[in-house]
Amino acid sequence: MCRNIKTLYNFEPPATEDEIHASALQFVRKLSGFNTPSKINEAAFNHAVEQVGSAARLLMDSLVTLAPPRNREAERAKAQLLSVRRFGGSR
């Protein structure tokens, strides 16, 4: 599992296009093993990022939930607390 990809669904405010693109980019980097592709692979890499981003947007637009949206700040605070408990100190 790629730890840098964050859950984007069911938050208030909703995920932005930039957040979806960043997740798609991280996913394609993980799959390909490239942080930055070579010139010969750049077009295929960028196309994959676009396709994954489109699929992610389609998925999030299609999902249905009865749960109330989560608060981004509250989730961020929980993650920071977990990090301190797990690794000690402040980050």
Protein backbone atom coordinates (compact mmCIF):
# COMPACT_ATOMS: atom_id res chain seq x y z
CA MET A 1 0.00 0.00 0.00
CA CYS A 2 1.29 3.42 -0.88
CA ARG A 3 1.27 5.36 2.36
CA ASN A 4 1.29 8.76 0.67
CA ILE A 5 -2.07 8.22 -0.99
CA LYS A 6 -4.74 9.60 1.32
CA THR A 7 -8.45 8.85 1.47
CA LEU A 8 -10.23 11.56 -0.49
CA TYR A 9 -13.85 10.44 -0.32
CA ASN A 10 -16.54 11.82 1.98
CA PHE A 11 -14.76 14.89 3.29
CA GLU A 12 -16.02 18.41 3.76
CA PRO A 13 -14.89 20.28 1.76
CA PRO A 14 -14.71 17.67 -1.03
CA ALA A 15 -11.41 16.65 -2.62
CA THR A 16 -10.02 19.13 -5.11
CA GLU A 17 -8.80 18.29 -8.60
CA ASP A 18 -5.25 18.97 -7.37
CA GLU A 19 -5.62 16.38 -4.59
CA ILE A 20 -6.97 13.81 -7.03
CA HIS A 21 -4.13 14.53 -9.46
CA ALA A 22 -1.55 14.21 -6.66
CA SER A 23 -2.97 10.82 -5.66
CA ALA A 24 -3.02 9.65 -9.28
CA LEU A 25 0.57 10.78 -9.75
CA GLN A 26 1.70 8.96 -6.59
CA PHE A 27 -0.11 5.80 -7.68
CA VAL A 28 1.48 5.83 -11.15
CA ARG A 29 4.90 6.51 -9.61
CA LYS A 30 4.46 3.51 -7.34
CA LEU A 31 3.32 1.22 -10.16
CA SER A 32 6.00 2.29 -12.62
CA GLY A 33 8.88 2.65 -10.20
CA PHE A 34 9.65 6.07 -11.72
CA ASN A 35 9.69 9.24 -9.68
CA THR A 36 10.30 11.13 -12.91
CA PRO A 37 10.04 9.17 -16.17
CA SER A 38 12.63 9.36 -18.93
CA LYS A 39 11.76 11.42 -22.02
CA ILE A 40 10.91 8.24 -23.92
CA ASN A 41 8.39 7.19 -21.24
CA GLU A 42 7.06 10.64 -20.34
CA ALA A 43 4.00 10.56 -22.64
CA ALA A 44 2.90 7.12 -21.42
CA PHE A 45 3.49 8.14 -17.80
CA ASN A 46 1.48 11.37 -18.12
CA HIS A 47 -1.32 9.57 -19.96
CA ALA A 48 -1.50 7.02 -17.13
CA VAL A 49 -1.72 9.82 -14.55
CA GLU A 50 -4.61 11.38 -16.49
CA GLN A 51 -6.42 8.04 -16.80
CA VAL A 52 -6.01 7.17 -13.12
CA GLY A 53 -7.18 10.65 -12.13
CA SER A 54 -10.26 10.31 -14.35
CA ALA A 55 -11.04 6.89 -12.89
CA ALA A 56 -10.65 8.26 -9.36
CA ARG A 57 -13.00 11.17 -10.06
CA LEU A 58 -15.55 8.81 -11.66
CA LEU A 59 -15.37 6.51 -8.64
CA MET A 60 -15.82 9.31 -6.11
CA ASP A 61 -18.71 10.80 -8.08
CA SER A 62 -20.41 7.38 -8.22
CA LEU A 63 -20.06 6.36 -4.57
CA VAL A 64 -23.01 6.73 -2.20
CA THR A 65 -22.81 7.01 1.56
CA LEU A 66 -25.22 7.69 4.37
CA ALA A 67 -22.39 8.70 6.71
CA PRO A 68 -21.90 12.39 7.36
CA PRO A 69 -18.85 13.96 5.71
CA ARG A 70 -15.66 13.84 7.76
CA ASN A 71 -13.95 17.03 8.85
CA ARG A 72 -10.49 17.44 7.32
CA GLU A 73 -9.02 19.27 10.31
CA ALA A 74 -10.31 16.69 12.79
CA GLU A 75 -8.87 13.85 10.68
CA ARG A 76 -5.54 15.68 10.40
CA ALA A 77 -5.41 16.12 14.19
CA LYS A 78 -6.13 12.40 14.70
CA ALA A 79 -3.32 11.49 12.30
CA GLN A 80 -0.87 13.77 14.10
CA LEU A 81 -1.80 12.28 17.46
CA LEU A 82 -1.33 8.77 16.08
CA SER A 83 2.06 9.76 14.69
CA VAL A 84 3.19 11.10 18.07
CA ARG A 85 2.02 7.92 19.80
CA ARG A 86 3.69 5.75 17.19
CA PHE A 87 7.00 7.55 16.74
CA GLY A 88 7.23 9.77 19.84
CA GLY A 89 8.07 13.45 19.96
CA SER A 90 6.41 16.12 17.91
CA ARG A 91 6.39 16.20 14.12
